[in-house]
PDB file of N, CA and C in Angstrom:
ATOM      1  N   UNK A   1      81.591 140.618  71.820  1.00  0.00           N
ATOM      2  CA  UNK A   1      81.573 141.334  73.089  1.00  0.00           C
ATOM      3  C   UNK A   1      81.252 142.799  72.816  1.00  0.00           C
ATOM      4  N   UNK A   2      80.276 143.331  73.537  1.00  0.00           N
ATOM      5  CA  UNK A   2      79.931 144.740  73.419  1.00  0.00           C
ATOM      6  C   UNK A   2      80.861 145.599  74.256  1.00  0.00           C
ATOM      7  N   UNK A   3      81.034 146.839  73.805  1.00  0.00           N
ATOM      8  CA  UNK A   3      81.939 147.763  74.494  1.00  0.00           C
ATOM      9  C   UNK A   3      81.176 149.019  74.890  1.00  0.00           C
ATOM     10  N   UNK A   4      81.188 149.317  76.183  1.00  0.00           N
ATOM     11  CA  UNK A   4      80.481 150.477  76.727  1.00  0.00           C
ATOM     12  C   UNK A   4      81.486 151.447  77.327  1.00  0.00           C
ATOM     13  N   UNK A   5      81.331 152.704  76.965  1.00  0.00           N
ATOM     14  CA  UNK A   5      82.125 153.776  77.560  1.00  0.00           C
ATOM     15  C   UNK A   5      81.216 154.604  78.454  1.00  0.00           C
ATOM     16  N   UNK A   6      81.599 154.744  79.706  1.00  0.00           N
ATOM     17  CA  UNK A   6      80.918 155.658  80.621  1.00  0.00           C
ATOM     18  C   UNK A   6      81.800 156.892  80.683  1.00  0.00           C
ATOM     19  N   UNK A   7      81.322 157.959  80.070  1.00  0.00           N
ATOM     20  CA  UNK A   7      82.089 159.193  79.934  1.00  0.00           C
ATOM     21  C   UNK A   7      81.404 160.289  80.734  1.00  0.00           C
ATOM     22  N   UNK A   8      82.181 160.985  81.564  1.00  0.00           N
ATOM     23  CA  UNK A   8      81.563 161.974  82.445  1.00  0.00           C
ATOM     24  C   UNK A   8      82.488 163.156  82.688  1.00  0.00           C
ATOM     25  N   UNK A   9      81.874 164.239  83.139  1.00  0.00           N
ATOM     26  CA  UNK A   9      82.595 165.370  83.716  1.00  0.00           C
ATOM     27  C   UNK A   9      81.998 165.574  85.096  1.00  0.00           C
ATOM     28  N   UNK A  10      82.846 165.798  86.085  1.00  0.00           N
ATOM     29  CA  UNK A  10      82.372 165.991  87.449  1.00  0.00           C
ATOM     30  C   UNK A  10      83.180 167.078  88.127  1.00  0.00           C
ATOM     31  N   UNK A  11      82.501 168.106  88.572  1.00  0.00           N
ATOM     32  CA  UNK A  11      83.179 169.210  89.257  1.00  0.00           C
ATOM     33  C   UNK A  11      83.312 168.930  90.752  1.00  0.00           C
ATOM     34  N   UNK A  12      82.247 168.444  91.369  1.00  0.00           N
ATOM     35  CA  UNK A  12      82.220 168.222  92.816  1.00  0.00           C
ATOM     36  C   UNK A  12      82.310 166.752  93.212  1.00  0.00           C
ATOM     37  N   UNK A  13      82.318 165.854  92.239  1.00  0.00           N
ATOM     38  CA  UNK A  13      82.411 164.427  92.529  1.00  0.00           C
ATOM     39  C   UNK A  13      81.093 163.677  92.467  1.00  0.00           C
ATOM     40  N   UNK A  14      79.977 164.394  92.371  1.00  0.00           N
ATOM     41  CA  UNK A  14      78.669 163.728  92.352  1.00  0.00           C
ATOM     42  C   UNK A  14      78.423 162.977  91.042  1.00  0.00           C
ATOM     43  N   UNK A  15      78.741 163.602  89.931  1.00  0.00           N
ATOM     44  CA  UNK A  15      78.546 162.936  88.642  1.00  0.00           C
ATOM     45  C   UNK A  15      79.525 161.774  88.498  1.00  0.00           C
ATOM     46  N   UNK A  16      80.708 161.900  89.057  1.00  0.00           N
ATOM     47  CA  UNK A  16      81.668 160.788  89.044  1.00  0.00           C
ATOM     48  C   UNK A  16      81.095 159.592  89.787  1.00  0.00           C
ATOM     49  N   UNK A  17      80.477 159.832  90.919  1.00  0.00           N
ATOM     50  CA  UNK A  17      79.879 158.738  91.692  1.00  0.00           C
ATOM     51  C   UNK A  17      78.767 158.069  90.883  1.00  0.00           C
ATOM     52  N   UNK A  18      77.958 158.872  90.215  1.00  0.00           N
ATOM     53  CA  UNK A  18      76.910 158.311  89.358  1.00  0.00           C
ATOM     54  C   UNK A  18      77.531 157.475  88.244  1.00  0.00           C
ATOM     55  N   UNK A  19      78.597 157.976  87.631  1.00  0.00           N
ATOM     56  CA  UNK A  19      79.276 157.255  86.554  1.00  0.00           C
ATOM     57  C   UNK A  19      79.797 155.906  87.046  1.00  0.00           C
ATOM     58  N   UNK A  20      80.309 155.875  88.251  1.00  0.00           N
ATOM     59  CA  UNK A  20      80.803 154.614  88.818  1.00  0.00           C
ATOM     60  C   UNK A  20      79.672 153.604  88.972  1.00  0.00           C
ATOM     61  N   UNK A  21      78.492 154.070  89.382  1.00  0.00           N
ATOM     62  CA  UNK A  21      77.330 153.176  89.493  1.00  0.00           C
ATOM     63  C   UNK A  21      76.894 152.670  88.118  1.00  0.00           C
ATOM     64  N   UNK A  22      76.892 153.548  87.128  1.00  0.00           N
ATOM     65  CA  UNK A  22      76.525 153.148  85.763  1.00  0.00           C
ATOM     66  C   UNK A  22      77.516 152.105  85.246  1.00  0.00           C
ATOM     67  N   UNK A  23      78.801 152.330  85.460  1.00  0.00           N
ATOM     68  CA  UNK A  23      79.823 151.376  85.015  1.00  0.00           C
ATOM     69  C   UNK A  23      79.675 150.041  85.738  1.00  0.00           C
ATOM     70  N   UNK A  24      79.405 150.101  87.030  1.00  0.00           N
ATOM     71  CA  UNK A  24      79.228 148.873  87.812  1.00  0.00           C
ATOM     72  C   UNK A  24      78.043 148.067  87.295  1.00  0.00           C
ATOM     73  N   UNK A  25      76.942 148.735  87.025  1.00  0.00           N
ATOM     74  CA  UNK A  25      75.764 148.050  86.489  1.00  0.00           C
ATOM     75  C   UNK A  25      76.012 147.486  85.099  1.00  0.00           C
ATOM     76  N   UNK A  26      76.693 148.243  84.266  1.00  0.00           N
ATOM     77  CA  UNK A  26      76.996 147.786  82.905  1.00  0.00           C
ATOM     78  C   UNK A  26      77.893 146.556  82.922  1.00  0.00           C
ATOM     79  N   UNK A  27      78.832 146.519  83.850  1.00  0.00           N
ATOM     80  CA  UNK A  27      79.777 145.404  83.946  1.00  0.00           C
ATOM     81  C   UNK A  27      79.099 144.101  84.366  1.00  0.00           C
ATOM     82  N   UNK A  28      77.897 144.182  84.915  1.00  0.00           N
ATOM     83  CA  UNK A  28      77.170 142.980  85.339  1.00  0.00           C
ATOM     84  C   UNK A  28      76.514 142.259  84.166  1.00  0.00           C
ATOM     85  N   UNK A  29      76.483 142.901  83.016  1.00  0.00           N
ATOM     86  CA  UNK A  29      75.890 142.288  81.830  1.00  0.00           C
ATOM     87  C   UNK A  29      76.944 141.394  81.169  1.00  0.00           C
ATOM     88  N   UNK A  30      76.542 140.182  80.832  1.00  0.00           N
ATOM     89  CA  UNK A  30      77.478 139.224  80.232  1.00  0.00           C
ATOM     90  C   UNK A  30      78.051 139.765  78.925  1.00  0.00           C
ATOM     91  N   UNK A  31      79.317 139.516  78.716  1.00  0.00           N
ATOM     92  CA  UNK A  31      80.028 139.868  77.477  1.00  0.00           C
ATOM     93  C   UNK A  31      80.060 141.364  77.187  1.00  0.00           C
ATOM     94  N   UNK A  32      80.074 142.176  78.224  1.00  0.00           N
ATOM     95  CA  UNK A  32      80.194 143.624  78.058  1.00  0.00           C
ATOM     96  C   UNK A  32      81.524 144.072  78.656  1.00  0.00           C
ATOM     97  N   UNK A  33      82.297 144.765  77.852  1.00  0.00           N
ATOM     98  CA  UNK A  33      83.548 145.374  78.312  1.00  0.00           C
ATOM     99  C   UNK A  33      83.251 146.841  78.605  1.00  0.00           C
ATOM    100  N   UNK A  34      83.663 147.323  79.779  1.00  0.00           N
ATOM    101  CA  UNK A  34      83.323 148.679  80.209  1.00  0.00           C
ATOM    102  C   UNK A  34      84.589 149.491  80.460  1.00  0.00           C
ATOM    103  N   UNK A  35      84.585 150.706  79.947  1.00  0.00           N
ATOM    104  CA  UNK A  35      85.604 151.706  80.285  1.00  0.00           C
ATOM    105  C   UNK A  35      84.879 152.870  80.941  1.00  0.00           C
ATOM    106  N   UNK A  36      85.460 153.398  82.002  1.00  0.00           N
ATOM    107  CA  UNK A  36      84.932 154.606  82.622  1.00  0.00           C
ATOM    108  C   UNK A  36      86.031 155.662  82.556  1.00  0.00           C
ATOM    109  N   UNK A  37      85.679 156.822  81.997  1.00  0.00           N
ATOM    110  CA  UNK A  37      86.673 157.880  81.826  1.00  0.00           C
ATOM    111  C   UNK A  37      86.032 159.241  82.039  1.00  0.00           C
ATOM    112  N   UNK A  38      86.797 160.120  82.655  1.00  0.00           N
ATOM    113  CA  UNK A  38      86.380 161.520  82.721  1.00  0.00           C
ATOM    114  C   UNK A  38      86.768 162.165  81.397  1.00  0.00           C
ATOM    115  N   UNK A  39      86.149 163.285  81.068  1.00  0.00           N
ATOM    116  CA  UNK A  39      86.491 163.929  79.801  1.00  0.00           C
ATOM    117  C   UNK A  39      87.922 164.444  79.808  1.00  0.00           C
ATOM    118  N   UNK A  40      88.481 164.649  80.989  1.00  0.00           N
ATOM    119  CA  UNK A  40      89.877 165.087  81.067  1.00  0.00           C
ATOM    120  C   UNK A  40      90.850 163.994  80.632  1.00  0.00           C
ATOM    121  N   UNK A  41      90.464 162.735  80.804  1.00  0.00           N
ATOM    122  CA  UNK A  41      91.354 161.634  80.443  1.00  0.00           C
ATOM    123  C   UNK A  41      90.913 160.876  79.193  1.00  0.00           C
ATOM    124  N   UNK A  42      89.726 161.144  78.696  1.00  0.00           N
ATOM    125  CA  UNK A  42      89.212 160.446  77.520  1.00  0.00           C
ATOM    126  C   UNK A  42      89.798 161.034  76.238  1.00  0.00           C
ATOM    127  N   UNK A  43      89.763 160.222  75.199  1.00  0.00           N
ATOM    128  CA  UNK A  43      90.276 160.646  73.898  1.00  0.00           C
ATOM    129  C   UNK A  43      89.254 160.318  72.811  1.00  0.00           C
ATOM    130  N   UNK A  44      89.526 160.799  71.633  1.00  0.00           N
ATOM    131  CA  UNK A  44      88.693 160.462  70.479  1.00  0.00           C
ATOM    132  C   UNK A  44      88.644 158.946  70.283  1.00  0.00           C
ATOM    133  N   UNK A  45      89.771 158.303  70.514  1.00  0.00           N
ATOM    134  CA  UNK A  45      89.844 156.858  70.322  1.00  0.00           C
ATOM    135  C   UNK A  45      88.865 156.118  71.239  1.00  0.00           C
ATOM    136  N   UNK A  46      88.658 156.630  72.450  1.00  0.00           N
ATOM    137  CA  UNK A  46      87.692 156.009  73.364  1.00  0.00           C
ATOM    138  C   UNK A  46      86.283 156.069  72.789  1.00  0.00           C
ATOM    139  N   UNK A  47      85.940 157.202  72.184  1.00  0.00           N
ATOM    140  CA  UNK A  47      84.602 157.371  71.621  1.00  0.00           C
ATOM    141  C   UNK A  47      84.423 156.447  70.415  1.00  0.00           C
ATOM    142  N   UNK A  48      85.432 156.343  69.583  1.00  0.00           N
ATOM    143  CA  UNK A  48      85.367 155.471  68.410  1.00  0.00           C
ATOM    144  C   UNK A  48      85.346 154.005  68.844  1.00  0.00           C
ATOM    145  N   UNK A  49      86.063 153.660  69.920  1.00  0.00           N
ATOM    146  CA  UNK A  49      86.178 152.282  70.421  1.00  0.00           C
ATOM    147  C   UNK A  49      84.834 151.696  70.835  1.00  0.00           C
ATOM    148  N   UNK A  50      84.000 152.483  71.472  1.00  0.00           N
ATOM    149  CA  UNK A  50      82.797 151.934  72.107  1.00  0.00           C
ATOM    150  C   UNK A  50      81.680 151.649  71.111  1.00  0.00           C
ATOM    151  N   UNK A  51      80.802 150.719  71.518  1.00  0.00           N
ATOM    152  CA  UNK A  51      79.556 150.462  70.789  1.00  0.00           C
ATOM    153  C   UNK A  51      78.428 151.307  71.365  1.00  0.00           C
ATOM    154  N   UNK A  52      78.543 151.600  72.644  1.00  0.00           N
ATOM    155  CA  UNK A  52      77.539 152.398  73.336  1.00  0.00           C
ATOM    156  C   UNK A  52      78.198 153.290  74.363  1.00  0.00           C
ATOM    157  N   UNK A  53      77.532 154.395  74.661  1.00  0.00           N
ATOM    158  CA  UNK A  53      78.097 155.362  75.598  1.00  0.00           C
ATOM    159  C   UNK A  53      77.032 155.808  76.588  1.00  0.00           C
ATOM    160  N   UNK A  54      77.435 155.919  77.841  1.00  0.00           N
ATOM    161  CA  UNK A  54      76.616 156.548  78.877  1.00  0.00           C
ATOM    162  C   UNK A  54      77.310 157.861  79.195  1.00  0.00           C
ATOM    163  N   UNK A  55      76.646 158.952  78.928  1.00  0.00           N
ATOM    164  CA  UNK A  55      77.246 160.280  78.990  1.00  0.00           C
ATOM    165  C   UNK A  55      76.680 161.043  80.176  1.00  0.00           C
ATOM    166  N   UNK A  56      77.569 161.512  81.084  1.00  0.00           N
ATOM    167  CA  UNK A  56      77.117 162.196  82.289  1.00  0.00           C
ATOM    168  C   UNK A  56      77.756 163.554  82.488  1.00  0.00           C
ATOM    169  N   UNK A  57      76.939 164.505  82.912  1.00  0.00           N
ATOM    170  CA  UNK A  57      77.414 165.865  83.167  1.00  0.00           C
ATOM    171  C   UNK A  57      76.640 166.449  84.337  1.00  0.00           C
ATOM    172  N   UNK A  58      77.297 167.260  85.157  1.00  0.00           N
ATOM    173  CA  UNK A  58      76.541 168.011  86.148  1.00  0.00           C
ATOM    174  C   UNK A  58      75.716 169.083  85.432  1.00  0.00           C
ATOM    175  N   UNK A  59      74.692 169.543  86.094  1.00  0.00           N
ATOM    176  CA  UNK A  59      73.876 170.620  85.551  1.00  0.00           C
ATOM    177  C   UNK A  59      74.511 171.942  85.948  1.00  0.00           C
ATOM    178  N   UNK A  60      74.909 172.709  84.952  1.00  0.00           N
ATOM    179  CA  UNK A  60      75.480 174.042  85.173  1.00  0.00           C
ATOM    180  C   UNK A  60      74.573 175.059  84.500  1.00  0.00           C
ATOM    181  N   UNK A  61      74.006 175.945  85.283  1.00  0.00           N
ATOM    182  CA  UNK A  61      73.115 176.982  84.749  1.00  0.00           C
ATOM    183  C   UNK A  61      71.987 176.381  83.913  1.00  0.00           C
ATOM    184  N   UNK A  62      71.470 175.245  84.370  1.00  0.00           N
ATOM    185  CA  UNK A  62      70.329 174.616  83.721  1.00  0.00           C
ATOM    186  C   UNK A  62      70.637 173.793  82.488  1.00  0.00           C
ATOM    187  N   UNK A  63      71.916 173.530  82.212  1.00  0.00           N
ATOM    188  CA  UNK A  63      72.259 172.744  81.028  1.00  0.00           C
ATOM    189  C   UNK A  63      73.594 172.017  81.236  1.00  0.00           C
ATOM    190  N   UNK A  64      74.085 171.423  80.174  1.00  0.00           N
ATOM    191  CA  UNK A  64      75.331 170.663  80.205  1.00  0.00           C
ATOM    192  C   UNK A  64      76.511 171.588  80.532  1.00  0.00           C
ATOM    193  N   UNK A  65      77.518 171.050  81.197  1.00  0.00           N
ATOM    194  CA  UNK A  65      78.694 171.855  81.548  1.00  0.00           C
ATOM    195  C   UNK A  65      79.439 172.291  80.288  1.00  0.00           C
ATOM    196  N   UNK A  66      80.076 173.438  80.366  1.00  0.00           N
ATOM    197  CA  UNK A  66      80.827 173.952  79.210  1.00  0.00           C
ATOM    198  C   UNK A  66      81.982 173.021  78.847  1.00  0.00           C
ATOM    199  N   UNK A  67      82.564 172.357  79.837  1.00  0.00           N
ATOM    200  CA  UNK A  67      83.681 171.442  79.554  1.00  0.00           C
ATOM    201  C   UNK A  67      83.214 170.223  78.760  1.00  0.00           C
ATOM    202  N   UNK A  68      82.032 169.717  79.082  1.00  0.00           N
ATOM    203  CA  UNK A  68      81.487 168.589  78.324  1.00  0.00           C
ATOM    204  C   UNK A  68      81.168 169.026  76.897  1.00  0.00           C
ATOM    205  N   UNK A  69      80.571 170.183  76.746  1.00  0.00           N
ATOM    206  CA  UNK A  69      80.251 170.694  75.408  1.00  0.00           C
ATOM    207  C   UNK A  69      81.528 170.878  74.587  1.00  0.00           C
ATOM    208  N   UNK A  70      82.562 171.414  75.211  1.00  0.00           N
ATOM    209  CA  UNK A  70      83.830 171.622  74.507  1.00  0.00           C
ATOM    210  C   UNK A  70      84.444 170.297  74.063  1.00  0.00           C
ATOM    211  N   UNK A  71      84.344 169.274  74.904  1.00  0.00           N
ATOM    212  CA  UNK A  71      84.860 167.951  74.540  1.00  0.00           C
ATOM    213  C   UNK A  71      84.242 167.488  73.222  1.00  0.00           C
ATOM    214  N   UNK A  72      82.932 167.612  73.110  1.00  0.00           N
ATOM    215  CA  UNK A  72      82.241 167.156  71.904  1.00  0.00           C
ATOM    216  C   UNK A  72      82.558 168.039  70.708  1.00  0.00           C
ATOM    217  N   UNK A  73      82.760 169.316  70.940  1.00  0.00           N
ATOM    218  CA  UNK A  73      83.162 170.184  69.829  1.00  0.00           C
ATOM    219  C   UNK A  73      84.552 169.797  69.320  1.00  0.00           C
ATOM    220  N   UNK A  74      85.419 169.379  70.226  1.00  0.00           N
ATOM    221  CA  UNK A  74      86.786 169.008  69.848  1.00  0.00           C
ATOM    222  C   UNK A  74      86.855 167.715  69.040  1.00  0.00           C
ATOM    223  N   UNK A  75      85.881 166.818  69.209  1.00  0.00           N
ATOM    224  CA  UNK A  75      85.928 165.560  68.447  1.00  0.00           C
ATOM    225  C   UNK A  75      85.092 165.625  67.171  1.00  0.00           C
ATOM    226  N   UNK A  76      84.640 166.795  66.805  1.00  0.00           N
ATOM    227  CA  UNK A  76      83.821 166.960  65.604  1.00  0.00           C
ATOM    228  C   UNK A  76      84.411 166.301  64.358  1.00  0.00           C
ATOM    229  N   UNK A  77      85.735 166.326  64.140  1.00  0.00           N
ATOM    230  CA  UNK A  77      86.278 165.678  62.935  1.00  0.00           C
ATOM    231  C   UNK A  77      85.967 164.175  62.837  1.00  0.00           C
ATOM    232  N   UNK A  78      85.631 163.530  63.947  1.00  0.00           N
ATOM    233  CA  UNK A  78      85.357 162.091  63.943  1.00  0.00           C
ATOM    234  C   UNK A  78      83.870 161.756  63.887  1.00  0.00           C
ATOM    235  N   UNK A  79      83.022 162.732  63.597  1.00  0.00           N
ATOM    236  CA  UNK A  79      81.587 162.494  63.710  1.00  0.00           C
ATOM    237  C   UNK A  79      81.105 161.339  62.839  1.00  0.00           C
ATOM    238  N   UNK A  80      81.687 161.112  61.681  1.00  0.00           N
ATOM    239  CA  UNK A  80      81.224 160.038  60.799  1.00  0.00           C
ATOM    240  C   UNK A  80      81.536 158.647  61.356  1.00  0.00           C
ATOM    241  N   UNK A  81      82.474 158.556  62.276  1.00  0.00           N
ATOM    242  CA  UNK A  81      82.835 157.268  62.877  1.00  0.00           C
ATOM    243  C   UNK A  81      81.888 156.883  64.012  1.00  0.00           C
ATOM    244  N   UNK A  82      80.975 157.770  64.386  1.00  0.00           N
ATOM    245  CA  UNK A  82      80.132 157.546  65.554  1.00  0.00           C
ATOM    246  C   UNK A  82      78.703 157.158  65.193  1.00  0.00           C
ATOM    247  N   UNK A  83      78.353 157.235  63.940  1.00  0.00           N
ATOM    248  CA  UNK A  83      76.995 156.970  63.489  1.00  0.00           C
ATOM    249  C   UNK A  83      76.543 155.561  63.861  1.00  0.00           C
ATOM    250  N   UNK A  84      75.377 155.457  64.481  1.00  0.00           N
ATOM    251  CA  UNK A  84      74.785 154.170  64.818  1.00  0.00           C
ATOM    252  C   UNK A  84      75.145 153.617  66.180  1.00  0.00           C
ATOM    253  N   UNK A  85      75.997 154.298  66.921  1.00  0.00           N
ATOM    254  CA  UNK A  85      76.314 153.860  68.283  1.00  0.00           C
ATOM    255  C   UNK A  85      75.111 154.156  69.184  1.00  0.00           C
ATOM    256  N   UNK A  86      75.022 153.466  70.298  1.00  0.00           N
ATOM    257  CA  UNK A  86      73.899 153.644  71.225  1.00  0.00           C
ATOM    258  C   UNK A  86      74.318 154.579  72.344  1.00  0.00           C
ATOM    259  N   UNK A  87      73.419 155.457  72.773  1.00  0.00           N
ATOM    260  CA  UNK A  87      73.750 156.412  73.822  1.00  0.00           C
ATOM    261  C   UNK A  87      72.646 156.592  74.844  1.00  0.00           C
ATOM    262  N   UNK A  88      73.050 156.961  76.042  1.00  0.00           N
ATOM    263  CA  UNK A  88      72.121 157.368  77.095  1.00  0.00           C
ATOM    264  C   UNK A  88      72.794 158.465  77.915  1.00  0.00           C
ATOM    265  N   UNK A  89      72.007 159.160  78.717  1.00  0.00           N
ATOM    266  CA  UNK A  89      72.524 160.313  79.457  1.00  0.00           C
ATOM    267  C   UNK A  89      72.130 160.249  80.924  1.00  0.00           C
ATOM    268  N   UNK A  90      72.973 160.849  81.770  1.00  0.00           N
ATOM    269  CA  UNK A  90      72.651 161.027  83.185  1.00  0.00           C
ATOM    270  C   UNK A  90      73.252 162.338  83.655  1.00  0.00           C
ATOM    271  N   UNK A  91      72.648 162.901  84.710  1.00  0.00           N
ATOM    272  CA  UNK A  91      73.109 164.196  85.197  1.00  0.00           C
ATOM    273  C   UNK A  91      72.853 164.334  86.690  1.00  0.00           C
ATOM    274  N   UNK A  92      73.682 165.133  87.330  1.00  0.00           N
ATOM    275  CA  UNK A  92      73.475 165.496  88.732  1.00  0.00           C
ATOM    276  C   UNK A  92      73.109 166.974  88.784  1.00  0.00           C
ATOM    277  N   UNK A  93      72.462 167.353  89.882  1.00  0.00           N
ATOM    278  CA  UNK A  93      72.090 168.756  90.069  1.00  0.00           C
ATOM    279  C   UNK A  93      72.195 169.106  91.538  1.00  0.00           C
ATOM    280  N   UNK A  94      72.250 170.390  91.820  1.00  0.00           N
ATOM    281  CA  UNK A  94      72.457 170.850  93.186  1.00  0.00           C
ATOM    282  C   UNK A  94      71.231 170.863  94.071  1.00  0.00           C
ATOM    283  N   UNK A  95      70.056 170.736  93.521  1.00  0.00           N
ATOM    284  CA  UNK A  95      68.846 170.767  94.333  1.00  0.00           C
ATOM    285  C   UNK A  95      67.620 170.573  93.471  1.00  0.00           C
ATOM    286  N   UNK A  96      66.451 170.653  94.092  1.00  0.00           N
ATOM    287  CA  UNK A  96      65.197 170.514  93.365  1.00  0.00           C
ATOM    288  C   UNK A  96      65.096 171.625  92.335  1.00  0.00           C
ATOM    289  N   UNK A  97      64.635 171.282  91.169  1.00  0.00           N
ATOM    290  CA  UNK A  97      64.452 172.280  90.122  1.00  0.00           C
ATOM    291  C   UNK A  97      65.754 172.745  89.508  1.00  0.00           C
ATOM    292  N   UNK A  98      66.794 171.936  89.630  1.00  0.00           N
ATOM    293  CA  UNK A  98      68.095 172.318  89.104  1.00  0.00           C
ATOM    294  C   UNK A  98      68.241 172.179  87.603  1.00  0.00           C
ATOM    295  N   UNK A  99      67.362 171.403  86.979  1.00  0.00           N
ATOM    296  CA  UNK A  99      67.392 171.265  85.529  1.00  0.00           C
ATOM    297  C   UNK A  99      68.105 170.040  85.003  1.00  0.00           C
ATOM    298  N   UNK A 100      68.261 168.996  85.827  1.00  0.00           N
ATOM    299  CA  UNK A 100      68.968 167.796  85.361  1.00  0.00           C
ATOM    300  C   UNK A 100      68.294 167.167  84.151  1.00  0.00           C
ATOM    301  N   UNK A 101      66.964 167.243  84.092  1.00  0.00           N
ATOM    302  CA  UNK A 101      66.267 166.673  82.937  1.00  0.00           C
ATOM    303  C   UNK A 101      66.609 167.439  81.666  1.00  0.00           C
ATOM    304  N   UNK A 102      66.804 168.748  81.794  1.00  0.00           N
ATOM    305  CA  UNK A 102      67.201 169.553  80.634  1.00  0.00           C
ATOM    306  C   UNK A 102      68.642 169.242  80.229  1.00  0.00           C
ATOM    307  N   UNK A 103      69.481 168.973  81.214  1.00  0.00           N
ATOM    308  CA  UNK A 103      70.858 168.592  80.917  1.00  0.00           C
ATOM    309  C   UNK A 103      70.890 167.261  80.175  1.00  0.00           C
ATOM    310  N   UNK A 104      70.095 166.297  80.634  1.00  0.00           N
ATOM    311  CA  UNK A 104      70.027 165.009  79.930  1.00  0.00           C
ATOM    312  C   UNK A 104      69.525 165.203  78.503  1.00  0.00           C
ATOM    313  N   UNK A 105      68.546 166.077  78.342  1.00  0.00           N
ATOM    314  CA  UNK A 105      68.039 166.356  77.001  1.00  0.00           C
ATOM    315  C   UNK A 105      69.132 166.977  76.129  1.00  0.00           C
ATOM    316  N   UNK A 106      69.920 167.889  76.693  1.00  0.00           N
ATOM    317  CA  UNK A 106      71.021 168.510  75.942  1.00  0.00           C
ATOM    318  C   UNK A 106      72.085 167.472  75.576  1.00  0.00           C
ATOM    319  N   UNK A 107      72.399 166.565  76.500  1.00  0.00           N
ATOM    320  CA  UNK A 107      73.364 165.499  76.210  1.00  0.00           C
ATOM    321  C   UNK A 107      72.853 164.590  75.093  1.00  0.00           C
ATOM    322  N   UNK A 108      71.559 164.272  75.144  1.00  0.00           N
ATOM    323  CA  UNK A 108      70.984 163.427  74.094  1.00  0.00           C
ATOM    324  C   UNK A 108      70.993 164.151  72.748  1.00  0.00           C
ATOM    325  N   UNK A 109      70.762 165.454  72.762  1.00  0.00           N
ATOM    326  CA  UNK A 109      70.813 166.232  71.520  1.00  0.00           C
ATOM    327  C   UNK A 109      72.215 166.204  70.924  1.00  0.00           C
ATOM    328  N   UNK A 110      73.225 166.324  71.774  1.00  0.00           N
ATOM    329  CA  UNK A 110      74.608 166.213  71.294  1.00  0.00           C
ATOM    330  C   UNK A 110      74.813 164.855  70.623  1.00  0.00           C
ATOM    331  N   UNK A 111      74.386 163.791  71.310  1.00  0.00           N
ATOM    332  CA  UNK A 111      74.574 162.450  70.749  1.00  0.00           C
ATOM    333  C   UNK A 111      73.798 162.269  69.449  1.00  0.00           C
ATOM    334  N   UNK A 112      72.577 162.771  69.391  1.00  0.00           N
ATOM    335  CA  UNK A 112      71.789 162.668  68.162  1.00  0.00           C
ATOM    336  C   UNK A 112      72.479 163.372  67.001  1.00  0.00           C
ATOM    337  N   UNK A 113      73.101 164.506  67.267  1.00  0.00           N
ATOM    338  CA  UNK A 113      73.820 165.232  66.222  1.00  0.00           C
ATOM    339  C   UNK A 113      75.018 164.453  65.692  1.00  0.00           C
ATOM    340  N   UNK A 114      75.556 163.557  66.498  1.00  0.00           N
ATOM    341  CA  UNK A 114      76.672 162.716  66.066  1.00  0.00           C
ATOM    342  C   UNK A 114      76.198 161.378  65.486  1.00  0.00           C
ATOM    343  N   UNK A 115      74.897 161.170  65.410  1.00  0.00           N
ATOM    344  CA  UNK A 115      74.365 159.953  64.812  1.00  0.00           C
ATOM    345  C   UNK A 115      74.109 158.815  65.781  1.00  0.00           C
ATOM    346  N   UNK A 116      74.202 159.074  67.082  1.00  0.00           N
ATOM    347  CA  UNK A 116      73.912 158.042  68.073  1.00  0.00           C
ATOM    348  C   UNK A 116      72.423 157.696  68.061  1.00  0.00           C
ATOM    349  N   UNK A 117      72.099 156.473  68.448  1.00  0.00           N
ATOM    350  CA  UNK A 117      70.728 156.061  68.694  1.00  0.00           C
ATOM    351  C   UNK A 117      70.491 156.249  70.183  1.00  0.00           C
ATOM    352  N   UNK A 118      69.540 157.085  70.537  1.00  0.00           N
ATOM    353  CA  UNK A 118      69.309 157.442  71.939  1.00  0.00           C
ATOM    354  C   UNK A 118      67.925 156.963  72.343  1.00  0.00           C
ATOM    355  N   UNK A 119      67.852 156.303  73.496  1.00  0.00           N
ATOM    356  CA  UNK A 119      66.598 155.729  73.960  1.00  0.00           C
ATOM    357  C   UNK A 119      66.188 156.332  75.294  1.00  0.00           C
ATOM    358  N   UNK A 120      64.887 156.353  75.534  1.00  0.00           N
ATOM    359  CA  UNK A 120      64.358 156.794  76.816  1.00  0.00           C
ATOM    360  C   UNK A 120      64.198 155.616  77.753  1.00  0.00           C
ATOM    361  N   UNK A 121      63.488 155.819  78.831  1.00  0.00           N
ATOM    362  CA  UNK A 121      63.268 154.777  79.834  1.00  0.00           C
ATOM    363  C   UNK A 121      62.188 153.820  79.325  1.00  0.00           C
ATOM    364  N   UNK A 122      62.490 152.507  79.193  1.00  0.00           N
ATOM    365  CA  UNK A 122      61.505 151.566  78.673  1.00  0.00           C
ATOM    366  C   UNK A 122      60.512 151.068  79.723  1.00  0.00           C
ATOM    367  N   UNK A 123      60.843 151.215  81.006  1.00  0.00           N
ATOM    368  CA  UNK A 123      59.993 150.664  82.063  1.00  0.00           C
ATOM    369  C   UNK A 123      60.120 151.528  83.305  1.00  0.00           C
ATOM    370  N   UNK A 124      59.014 152.034  83.785  1.00  0.00           N
ATOM    371  CA  UNK A 124      59.029 152.914  84.951  1.00  0.00           C
ATOM    372  C   UNK A 124      58.760 152.187  86.263  1.00  0.00           C
ATOM    373  N   UNK A 125      58.710 150.864  86.246  1.00  0.00           N
ATOM    374  CA  UNK A 125      58.417 150.129  87.479  1.00  0.00           C
ATOM    375  C   UNK A 125      59.644 149.926  88.339  1.00  0.00           C
TER     376      UNK A 125
END
């Protein structure tokens, strides 16, 4: 059974709603166990537990929120336990040109630094 963690930070509730949709979709896959946690309630053990992670952050000043960045800085001692896990990113923004794509890129960079395997969109249809 695969284990997916949907980990998010949400200031206004928009990223939380997105995380709920990601978790709902993940749960529809056979033999997948899903946990959804905000960074306020997540722990290092949650990150080590999962096989794959969907990481979500609102766009703050064109990039990932400081709280999400701090979460990853705090789990730095466990970086060797995360190598080879699968990751993807999602983000919300306040309007057109808000920088959500840059936030997703920043989230993927964080995951790559921890040894995650990060994939793009395989099908645009």
